[in-house]
């Protein structure tokens, strides 16, 4: 399956990596980015194990939610032969 990273998801990942670099952890930022990329890549193989999101507005759009590293939520949608990564955000930001 093809993975498509939407703008919001890309911005969320970039913001996190920029933050890690700004607080003096560029090596950790690079390693963390590699882990994020691997996790997102694995969604193409294991997307079926994730339930629809609990957030009602996301559920209505048929978004599934994956949790990365116990704190980052990745809402995604499966469409035909593609997985659309809609966002990447800290779980505390979900209302």
PDB file of N, CA and C in Angstrom:
ATOM      1  N   UNK A   1       0.839  -1.192   0.000  1.00  0.00           N
ATOM      2  CA  UNK A   1       0.000   0.000   0.000  1.00  0.00           C
ATOM      3  C   UNK A   1       0.877   1.246   0.000  1.00  0.00           C
ATOM      4  N   UNK A   2       0.388   2.264  -0.660  1.00  0.00           N
ATOM      5  CA  UNK A   2       1.067   3.540  -0.689  1.00  0.00           C
ATOM      6  C   UNK A   2       0.708   4.344   0.560  1.00  0.00           C
ATOM      7  N   UNK A   3       1.668   5.013   1.134  1.00  0.00           N
ATOM      8  CA  UNK A   3       1.423   5.869   2.289  1.00  0.00           C
ATOM      9  C   UNK A   3       1.537   7.312   1.833  1.00  0.00           C
ATOM     10  N   UNK A   4       0.494   8.081   2.126  1.00  0.00           N
ATOM     11  CA  UNK A   4       0.476   9.499   1.779  1.00  0.00           C
ATOM     12  C   UNK A   4       0.396  10.306   3.067  1.00  0.00           C
ATOM     13  N   UNK A   5       1.386  11.128   3.274  1.00  0.00           N
ATOM     14  CA  UNK A   5       1.461  11.982   4.463  1.00  0.00           C
ATOM     15  C   UNK A   5       0.814  13.318   4.128  1.00  0.00           C
ATOM     16  N   UNK A   6      -0.312  13.603   4.763  1.00  0.00           N
ATOM     17  CA  UNK A   6      -0.988  14.874   4.533  1.00  0.00           C
ATOM     18  C   UNK A   6      -0.199  16.004   5.209  1.00  0.00           C
ATOM     19  N   UNK A   7      -0.489  17.237   4.799  1.00  0.00           N
ATOM     20  CA  UNK A   7       0.276  18.392   5.273  1.00  0.00           C
ATOM     21  C   UNK A   7       0.284  18.512   6.797  1.00  0.00           C
ATOM     22  N   UNK A   8      -0.864  18.326   7.432  1.00  0.00           N
ATOM     23  CA  UNK A   8      -0.924  18.435   8.896  1.00  0.00           C
ATOM     24  C   UNK A   8      -0.028  17.408   9.582  1.00  0.00           C
ATOM     25  N   UNK A   9      -0.013  16.205   9.060  1.00  0.00           N
ATOM     26  CA  UNK A   9       0.829  15.157   9.643  1.00  0.00           C
ATOM     27  C   UNK A   9       2.298  15.521   9.490  1.00  0.00           C
ATOM     28  N   UNK A  10       2.654  15.975   8.315  1.00  0.00           N
ATOM     29  CA  UNK A  10       4.036  16.375   8.065  1.00  0.00           C
ATOM     30  C   UNK A  10       4.447  17.531   8.980  1.00  0.00           C
ATOM     31  N   UNK A  11       3.561  18.496   9.152  1.00  0.00           N
ATOM     32  CA  UNK A  11       3.848  19.624  10.035  1.00  0.00           C
ATOM     33  C   UNK A  11       3.997  19.176  11.489  1.00  0.00           C
ATOM     34  N   UNK A  12       3.160  18.241  11.919  1.00  0.00           N
ATOM     35  CA  UNK A  12       3.242  17.742  13.293  1.00  0.00           C
ATOM     36  C   UNK A  12       4.565  17.042  13.569  1.00  0.00           C
ATOM     37  N   UNK A  13       5.000  16.222  12.626  1.00  0.00           N
ATOM     38  CA  UNK A  13       6.272  15.512  12.780  1.00  0.00           C
ATOM     39  C   UNK A  13       7.426  16.505  12.748  1.00  0.00           C
ATOM     40  N   UNK A  14       7.388  17.437  11.817  1.00  0.00           N
ATOM     41  CA  UNK A  14       8.449  18.447  11.705  1.00  0.00           C
ATOM     42  C   UNK A  14       8.543  19.284  12.978  1.00  0.00           C
ATOM     43  N   UNK A  15       7.412  19.673  13.525  1.00  0.00           N
ATOM     44  CA  UNK A  15       7.407  20.468  14.764  1.00  0.00           C
ATOM     45  C   UNK A  15       8.052  19.713  15.911  1.00  0.00           C
ATOM     46  N   UNK A  16       7.740  18.436  16.026  1.00  0.00           N
ATOM     47  CA  UNK A  16       8.326  17.627  17.095  1.00  0.00           C
ATOM     48  C   UNK A  16       9.836  17.509  16.921  1.00  0.00           C
ATOM     49  N   UNK A  17      10.288  17.217  15.716  1.00  0.00           N
ATOM     50  CA  UNK A  17      11.719  17.063  15.457  1.00  0.00           C
ATOM     51  C   UNK A  17      12.445  18.390  15.678  1.00  0.00           C
ATOM     52  N   UNK A  18      11.858  19.489  15.204  1.00  0.00           N
ATOM     53  CA  UNK A  18      12.456  20.812  15.430  1.00  0.00           C
ATOM     54  C   UNK A  18      12.568  21.124  16.915  1.00  0.00           C
ATOM     55  N   UNK A  19      11.560  20.746  17.683  1.00  0.00           N
ATOM     56  CA  UNK A  19      11.602  20.964  19.132  1.00  0.00           C
ATOM     57  C   UNK A  19      12.746  20.180  19.765  1.00  0.00           C
ATOM     58  N   UNK A  20      12.878  18.920  19.416  1.00  0.00           N
ATOM     59  CA  UNK A  20      13.959  18.111  19.983  1.00  0.00           C
ATOM     60  C   UNK A  20      15.330  18.697  19.650  1.00  0.00           C
ATOM     61  N   UNK A  21      15.483  19.203  18.442  1.00  0.00           N
ATOM     62  CA  UNK A  21      16.750  19.833  18.053  1.00  0.00           C
ATOM     63  C   UNK A  21      16.967  21.118  18.848  1.00  0.00           C
ATOM     64  N   UNK A  22      15.912  21.910  19.024  1.00  0.00           N
ATOM     65  CA  UNK A  22      16.034  23.201  19.706  1.00  0.00           C
ATOM     66  C   UNK A  22      16.406  23.062  21.179  1.00  0.00           C
ATOM     67  N   UNK A  23      16.046  21.937  21.791  1.00  0.00           N
ATOM     68  CA  UNK A  23      16.415  21.752  23.199  1.00  0.00           C
ATOM     69  C   UNK A  23      17.733  20.999  23.355  1.00  0.00           C
ATOM     70  N   UNK A  24      18.430  20.831  22.241  1.00  0.00           N
ATOM     71  CA  UNK A  24      19.781  20.290  22.304  1.00  0.00           C
ATOM     72  C   UNK A  24      19.933  18.802  22.122  1.00  0.00           C
ATOM     73  N   UNK A  25      18.988  18.176  21.424  1.00  0.00           N
ATOM     74  CA  UNK A  25      19.062  16.735  21.221  1.00  0.00           C
ATOM     75  C   UNK A  25      18.969  16.356  19.740  1.00  0.00           C
ATOM     76  N   UNK A  26      19.882  16.851  18.911  1.00  0.00           N
ATOM     77  CA  UNK A  26      19.775  16.541  17.473  1.00  0.00           C
ATOM     78  C   UNK A  26      19.924  15.053  17.154  1.00  0.00           C
ATOM     79  N   UNK A  27      20.779  14.337  17.884  1.00  0.00           N
ATOM     80  CA  UNK A  27      20.936  12.903  17.627  1.00  0.00           C
ATOM     81  C   UNK A  27      19.657  12.151  17.991  1.00  0.00           C
ATOM     82  N   UNK A  28      19.055  12.543  19.113  1.00  0.00           N
ATOM     83  CA  UNK A  28      17.805  11.908  19.515  1.00  0.00           C
ATOM     84  C   UNK A  28      16.700  12.216  18.512  1.00  0.00           C
ATOM     85  N   UNK A  29      16.710  13.442  17.981  1.00  0.00           N
ATOM     86  CA  UNK A  29      15.703  13.829  16.995  1.00  0.00           C
ATOM     87  C   UNK A  29      15.801  12.940  15.756  1.00  0.00           C
ATOM     88  N   UNK A  30      17.005  12.698  15.298  1.00  0.00           N
ATOM     89  CA  UNK A  30      17.199  11.861  14.119  1.00  0.00           C
ATOM     90  C   UNK A  30      16.731  10.432  14.371  1.00  0.00           C
ATOM     91  N   UNK A  31      17.093   9.893  15.526  1.00  0.00           N
ATOM     92  CA  UNK A  31      16.675   8.543  15.888  1.00  0.00           C
ATOM     93  C   UNK A  31      15.161   8.450  16.019  1.00  0.00           C
ATOM     94  N   UNK A  32      14.563   9.457  16.644  1.00  0.00           N
ATOM     95  CA  UNK A  32      13.114   9.463  16.843  1.00  0.00           C
ATOM     96  C   UNK A  32      12.392   9.559  15.504  1.00  0.00           C
ATOM     97  N   UNK A  33      12.916  10.380  14.596  1.00  0.00           N
ATOM     98  CA  UNK A  33      12.326  10.494  13.267  1.00  0.00           C
ATOM     99  C   UNK A  33      12.368   9.145  12.549  1.00  0.00           C
ATOM    100  N   UNK A  34      13.460   8.431  12.672  1.00  0.00           N
ATOM    101  CA  UNK A  34      13.561   7.105  12.058  1.00  0.00           C
ATOM    102  C   UNK A  34      12.518   6.155  12.631  1.00  0.00           C
ATOM    103  N   UNK A  35      12.275   6.243  13.946  1.00  0.00           N
ATOM    104  CA  UNK A  35      11.263   5.389  14.581  1.00  0.00           C
ATOM    105  C   UNK A  35       9.862   5.749  14.105  1.00  0.00           C
ATOM    106  N   UNK A  36       9.599   7.051  13.974  1.00  0.00           N
ATOM    107  CA  UNK A  36       8.295   7.498  13.470  1.00  0.00           C
ATOM    108  C   UNK A  36       8.090   6.980  12.052  1.00  0.00           C
ATOM    109  N   UNK A  37       9.096   7.148  11.209  1.00  0.00           N
ATOM    110  CA  UNK A  37       8.998   6.692   9.819  1.00  0.00           C
ATOM    111  C   UNK A  37       8.760   5.186   9.737  1.00  0.00           C
ATOM    112  N   UNK A  38       9.449   4.423  10.568  1.00  0.00           N
ATOM    113  CA  UNK A  38       9.273   2.966  10.572  1.00  0.00           C
ATOM    114  C   UNK A  38       7.863   2.594  11.021  1.00  0.00           C
ATOM    115  N   UNK A  39       7.363   3.296  12.037  1.00  0.00           N
ATOM    116  CA  UNK A  39       6.013   3.028  12.536  1.00  0.00           C
ATOM    117  C   UNK A  39       4.979   3.307  11.446  1.00  0.00           C
ATOM    118  N   UNK A  40       5.119   4.445  10.784  1.00  0.00           N
ATOM    119  CA  UNK A  40       4.175   4.804   9.727  1.00  0.00           C
ATOM    120  C   UNK A  40       4.269   3.808   8.563  1.00  0.00           C
ATOM    121  N   UNK A  41       5.474   3.400   8.214  1.00  0.00           N
ATOM    122  CA  UNK A  41       5.650   2.399   7.160  1.00  0.00           C
ATOM    123  C   UNK A  41       4.930   1.092   7.531  1.00  0.00           C
ATOM    124  N   UNK A  42       5.033   0.696   8.803  1.00  0.00           N
ATOM    125  CA  UNK A  42       4.390  -0.535   9.244  1.00  0.00           C
ATOM    126  C   UNK A  42       2.868  -0.464   9.171  1.00  0.00           C
ATOM    127  N   UNK A  43       2.309   0.751   9.189  1.00  0.00           N
ATOM    128  CA  UNK A  43       0.859   0.876   9.044  1.00  0.00           C
ATOM    129  C   UNK A  43       0.382   0.278   7.722  1.00  0.00           C
ATOM    130  N   UNK A  44       1.237   0.319   6.713  1.00  0.00           N
ATOM    131  CA  UNK A  44       0.843  -0.250   5.425  1.00  0.00           C
ATOM    132  C   UNK A  44       0.637  -1.756   5.513  1.00  0.00           C
ATOM    133  N   UNK A  45       1.312  -2.394   6.452  1.00  0.00           N
ATOM    134  CA  UNK A  45       1.174  -3.845   6.616  1.00  0.00           C
ATOM    135  C   UNK A  45       0.148  -4.220   7.680  1.00  0.00           C
ATOM    136  N   UNK A  46       0.024  -3.379   8.718  1.00  0.00           N
ATOM    137  CA  UNK A  46      -0.781  -3.757   9.881  1.00  0.00           C
ATOM    138  C   UNK A  46      -1.932  -2.801  10.169  1.00  0.00           C
ATOM    139  N   UNK A  47      -2.372  -2.049   9.169  1.00  0.00           N
ATOM    140  CA  UNK A  47      -3.423  -1.057   9.385  1.00  0.00           C
ATOM    141  C   UNK A  47      -4.719  -1.679   9.880  1.00  0.00           C
ATOM    142  N   UNK A  48      -4.970  -2.909   9.537  1.00  0.00           N
ATOM    143  CA  UNK A  48      -6.224  -3.574   9.899  1.00  0.00           C
ATOM    144  C   UNK A  48      -6.375  -3.833  11.397  1.00  0.00           C
ATOM    145  N   UNK A  49      -5.305  -3.727  12.169  1.00  0.00           N
ATOM    146  CA  UNK A  49      -5.420  -4.003  13.610  1.00  0.00           C
ATOM    147  C   UNK A  49      -5.893  -2.785  14.407  1.00  0.00           C
ATOM    148  N   UNK A  50      -5.961  -1.628  13.756  1.00  0.00           N
ATOM    149  CA  UNK A  50      -6.362  -0.409  14.461  1.00  0.00           C
ATOM    150  C   UNK A  50      -7.848  -0.129  14.260  1.00  0.00           C
ATOM    151  N   UNK A  51      -8.509   0.172  15.381  1.00  0.00           N
ATOM    152  CA  UNK A  51      -9.945   0.451  15.356  1.00  0.00           C
ATOM    153  C   UNK A  51     -10.209   1.861  14.833  1.00  0.00           C
ATOM    154  N   UNK A  52     -11.464   2.110  14.551  1.00  0.00           N
ATOM    155  CA  UNK A  52     -11.858   3.481  14.227  1.00  0.00           C
ATOM    156  C   UNK A  52     -11.586   4.363  15.438  1.00  0.00           C
ATOM    157  N   UNK A  53     -11.279   5.614  15.188  1.00  0.00           N
ATOM    158  CA  UNK A  53     -10.979   6.553  16.266  1.00  0.00           C
ATOM    159  C   UNK A  53     -12.194   6.740  17.170  1.00  0.00           C
ATOM    160  N   UNK A  54     -11.934   7.012  18.426  1.00  0.00           N
ATOM    161  CA  UNK A  54     -13.021   7.262  19.370  1.00  0.00           C
ATOM    162  C   UNK A  54     -13.589   8.670  19.205  1.00  0.00           C
ATOM    163  N   UNK A  55     -12.773   9.607  18.774  1.00  0.00           N
ATOM    164  CA  UNK A  55     -13.245  10.975  18.565  1.00  0.00           C
ATOM    165  C   UNK A  55     -14.326  10.943  17.479  1.00  0.00           C
ATOM    166  N   UNK A  56     -15.498  11.445  17.816  1.00  0.00           N
ATOM    167  CA  UNK A  56     -16.664  11.317  16.948  1.00  0.00           C
ATOM    168  C   UNK A  56     -16.460  11.922  15.567  1.00  0.00           C
ATOM    169  N   UNK A  57     -15.831  13.083  15.492  1.00  0.00           N
ATOM    170  CA  UNK A  57     -15.642  13.726  14.184  1.00  0.00           C
ATOM    171  C   UNK A  57     -14.702  12.909  13.297  1.00  0.00           C
ATOM    172  N   UNK A  58     -13.727  12.247  13.897  1.00  0.00           N
ATOM    173  CA  UNK A  58     -12.811  11.407  13.120  1.00  0.00           C
ATOM    174  C   UNK A  58     -13.486  10.093  12.733  1.00  0.00           C
ATOM    175  N   UNK A  59     -14.268   9.564  13.644  1.00  0.00           N
ATOM    176  CA  UNK A  59     -14.989   8.311  13.362  1.00  0.00           C
ATOM    177  C   UNK A  59     -15.948   8.508  12.183  1.00  0.00           C
ATOM    178  N   UNK A  60     -16.596   9.662  12.140  1.00  0.00           N
ATOM    179  CA  UNK A  60     -17.530   9.954  11.053  1.00  0.00           C
ATOM    180  C   UNK A  60     -16.828   9.989   9.696  1.00  0.00           C
ATOM    181  N   UNK A  61     -15.537  10.291   9.701  1.00  0.00           N
ATOM    182  CA  UNK A  61     -14.754  10.313   8.458  1.00  0.00           C
ATOM    183  C   UNK A  61     -14.043   8.979   8.203  1.00  0.00           C
ATOM    184  N   UNK A  62     -14.340   7.992   9.032  1.00  0.00           N
ATOM    185  CA  UNK A  62     -13.753   6.649   8.925  1.00  0.00           C
ATOM    186  C   UNK A  62     -12.243   6.651   9.150  1.00  0.00           C
ATOM    187  N   UNK A  63     -11.777   7.501  10.069  1.00  0.00           N
ATOM    188  CA  UNK A  63     -10.361   7.515  10.429  1.00  0.00           C
ATOM    189  C   UNK A  63     -10.093   6.441  11.472  1.00  0.00           C
ATOM    190  N   UNK A  64      -8.991   5.768  11.320  1.00  0.00           N
ATOM    191  CA  UNK A  64      -8.496   4.842  12.330  1.00  0.00           C
ATOM    192  C   UNK A  64      -7.416   5.579  13.103  1.00  0.00           C
ATOM    193  N   UNK A  65      -7.185   5.179  14.351  1.00  0.00           N
ATOM    194  CA  UNK A  65      -6.177   5.851  15.156  1.00  0.00           C
ATOM    195  C   UNK A  65      -5.115   4.860  15.624  1.00  0.00           C
ATOM    196  N   UNK A  66      -3.869   5.224  15.380  1.00  0.00           N
ATOM    197  CA  UNK A  66      -2.728   4.462  15.876  1.00  0.00           C
ATOM    198  C   UNK A  66      -2.017   5.344  16.890  1.00  0.00           C
ATOM    199  N   UNK A  67      -1.476   4.726  17.920  1.00  0.00           N
ATOM    200  CA  UNK A  67      -0.739   5.471  18.940  1.00  0.00           C
ATOM    201  C   UNK A  67       0.733   5.102  18.831  1.00  0.00           C
ATOM    202  N   UNK A  68       1.548   6.129  18.672  1.00  0.00           N
ATOM    203  CA  UNK A  68       2.996   5.943  18.572  1.00  0.00           C
ATOM    204  C   UNK A  68       3.644   6.326  19.884  1.00  0.00           C
ATOM    205  N   UNK A  69       4.496   5.467  20.405  1.00  0.00           N
ATOM    206  CA  UNK A  69       5.279   5.712  21.612  1.00  0.00           C
ATOM    207  C   UNK A  69       4.414   6.052  22.825  1.00  0.00           C
ATOM    208  N   UNK A  70       3.198   5.561  22.827  1.00  0.00           N
ATOM    209  CA  UNK A  70       2.315   5.730  23.976  1.00  0.00           C
ATOM    210  C   UNK A  70       1.757   7.124  24.166  1.00  0.00           C
ATOM    211  N   UNK A  71       2.098   8.080  23.277  1.00  0.00           N
ATOM    212  CA  UNK A  71       1.623   9.439  23.499  1.00  0.00           C
ATOM    213  C   UNK A  71       1.243  10.215  22.252  1.00  0.00           C
ATOM    214  N   UNK A  72       1.653   9.780  21.080  1.00  0.00           N
ATOM    215  CA  UNK A  72       1.338  10.502  19.852  1.00  0.00           C
ATOM    216  C   UNK A  72       0.265   9.752  19.073  1.00  0.00           C
ATOM    217  N   UNK A  73      -0.778  10.476  18.694  1.00  0.00           N
ATOM    218  CA  UNK A  73      -1.909   9.886  17.980  1.00  0.00           C
ATOM    219  C   UNK A  73      -1.738  10.152  16.489  1.00  0.00           C
ATOM    220  N   UNK A  74      -1.943   9.108  15.703  1.00  0.00           N
ATOM    221  CA  UNK A  74      -1.840   9.199  14.253  1.00  0.00           C
ATOM    222  C   UNK A  74      -3.173   8.750  13.656  1.00  0.00           C
ATOM    223  N   UNK A  75      -4.061   9.700  13.352  1.00  0.00           N
ATOM    224  CA  UNK A  75      -5.287   9.329  12.659  1.00  0.00           C
ATOM    225  C   UNK A  75      -4.976   9.077  11.179  1.00  0.00           C
ATOM    226  N   UNK A  76      -5.518   7.994  10.645  1.00  0.00           N
ATOM    227  CA  UNK A  76      -5.273   7.666   9.238  1.00  0.00           C
ATOM    228  C   UNK A  76      -6.523   7.074   8.617  1.00  0.00           C
ATOM    229  N   UNK A  77      -6.563   7.138   7.301  1.00  0.00           N
ATOM    230  CA  UNK A  77      -7.702   6.611   6.558  1.00  0.00           C
ATOM    231  C   UNK A  77      -7.193   5.681   5.472  1.00  0.00           C
ATOM    232  N   UNK A  78      -7.845   4.546   5.349  1.00  0.00           N
ATOM    233  CA  UNK A  78      -7.498   3.581   4.308  1.00  0.00           C
ATOM    234  C   UNK A  78      -8.436   3.819   3.130  1.00  0.00           C
ATOM    235  N   UNK A  79      -7.849   4.095   1.960  1.00  0.00           N
ATOM    236  CA  UNK A  79      -8.651   4.329   0.755  1.00  0.00           C
ATOM    237  C   UNK A  79      -8.060   3.506  -0.386  1.00  0.00           C
ATOM    238  N   UNK A  80      -8.747   2.482  -0.794  1.00  0.00           N
ATOM    239  CA  UNK A  80      -8.268   1.650  -1.894  1.00  0.00           C
ATOM    240  C   UNK A  80      -6.911   1.056  -1.590  1.00  0.00           C
ATOM    241  N   UNK A  81      -5.895   1.473  -2.327  1.00  0.00           N
ATOM    242  CA  UNK A  81      -4.546   0.945  -2.107  1.00  0.00           C
ATOM    243  C   UNK A  81      -3.631   1.965  -1.437  1.00  0.00           C
ATOM    244  N   UNK A  82      -4.229   2.951  -0.741  1.00  0.00           N
ATOM    245  CA  UNK A  82      -3.423   3.983  -0.074  1.00  0.00           C
ATOM    246  C   UNK A  82      -3.852   4.163   1.377  1.00  0.00           C
ATOM    247  N   UNK A  83      -2.891   4.586   2.160  1.00  0.00           N
ATOM    248  CA  UNK A  83      -3.165   4.977   3.542  1.00  0.00           C
ATOM    249  C   UNK A  83      -2.833   6.457   3.643  1.00  0.00           C
ATOM    250  N   UNK A  84      -3.836   7.236   4.022  1.00  0.00           N
ATOM    251  CA  UNK A  84      -3.659   8.673   4.181  1.00  0.00           C
ATOM    252  C   UNK A  84      -3.384   8.969   5.652  1.00  0.00           C
ATOM    253  N   UNK A  85      -2.201   9.447   5.959  1.00  0.00           N
ATOM    254  CA  UNK A  85      -1.860   9.836   7.325  1.00  0.00           C
ATOM    255  C   UNK A  85      -2.355  11.268   7.480  1.00  0.00           C
ATOM    256  N   UNK A  86      -3.405  11.447   8.268  1.00  0.00           N
ATOM    257  CA  UNK A  86      -4.087  12.729   8.329  1.00  0.00           C
ATOM    258  C   UNK A  86      -3.428  13.722   9.286  1.00  0.00           C
ATOM    259  N   UNK A  87      -2.845  13.229  10.366  1.00  0.00           N
ATOM    260  CA  UNK A  87      -2.278  14.115  11.376  1.00  0.00           C
ATOM    261  C   UNK A  87      -1.279  13.333  12.218  1.00  0.00           C
ATOM    262  N   UNK A  88      -0.499  14.066  12.989  1.00  0.00           N
ATOM    263  CA  UNK A  88       0.423  13.484  13.962  1.00  0.00           C
ATOM    264  C   UNK A  88       0.423  14.469  15.111  1.00  0.00           C
ATOM    265  N   UNK A  89      -0.117  14.064  16.247  1.00  0.00           N
ATOM    266  CA  UNK A  89      -0.256  15.012  17.348  1.00  0.00           C
ATOM    267  C   UNK A  89      -0.134  14.322  18.695  1.00  0.00           C
ATOM    268  N   UNK A  90       0.255  15.105  19.689  1.00  0.00           N
ATOM    269  CA  UNK A  90       0.331  14.583  21.054  1.00  0.00           C
ATOM    270  C   UNK A  90      -1.084  14.305  21.534  1.00  0.00           C
ATOM    271  N   UNK A  91      -1.257  13.194  22.193  1.00  0.00           N
ATOM    272  CA  UNK A  91      -2.586  12.784  22.657  1.00  0.00           C
ATOM    273  C   UNK A  91      -3.262  13.792  23.562  1.00  0.00           C
ATOM    274  N   UNK A  92      -2.494  14.578  24.286  1.00  0.00           N
ATOM    275  CA  UNK A  92      -3.080  15.562  25.190  1.00  0.00           C
ATOM    276  C   UNK A  92      -3.791  16.688  24.450  1.00  0.00           C
ATOM    277  N   UNK A  93      -3.524  16.816  23.156  1.00  0.00           N
ATOM    278  CA  UNK A  93      -4.148  17.889  22.356  1.00  0.00           C
ATOM    279  C   UNK A  93      -5.506  17.497  21.817  1.00  0.00           C
ATOM    280  N   UNK A  94      -5.921  16.268  22.015  1.00  0.00           N
ATOM    281  CA  UNK A  94      -7.224  15.821  21.535  1.00  0.00           C
ATOM    282  C   UNK A  94      -8.274  16.182  22.569  1.00  0.00           C
ATOM    283  N   UNK A  95      -9.299  16.866  22.110  1.00  0.00           N
ATOM    284  CA  UNK A  95     -10.374  17.276  23.043  1.00  0.00           C
ATOM    285  C   UNK A  95     -11.592  16.436  22.818  1.00  0.00           C
TER     286      UNK A  95
END
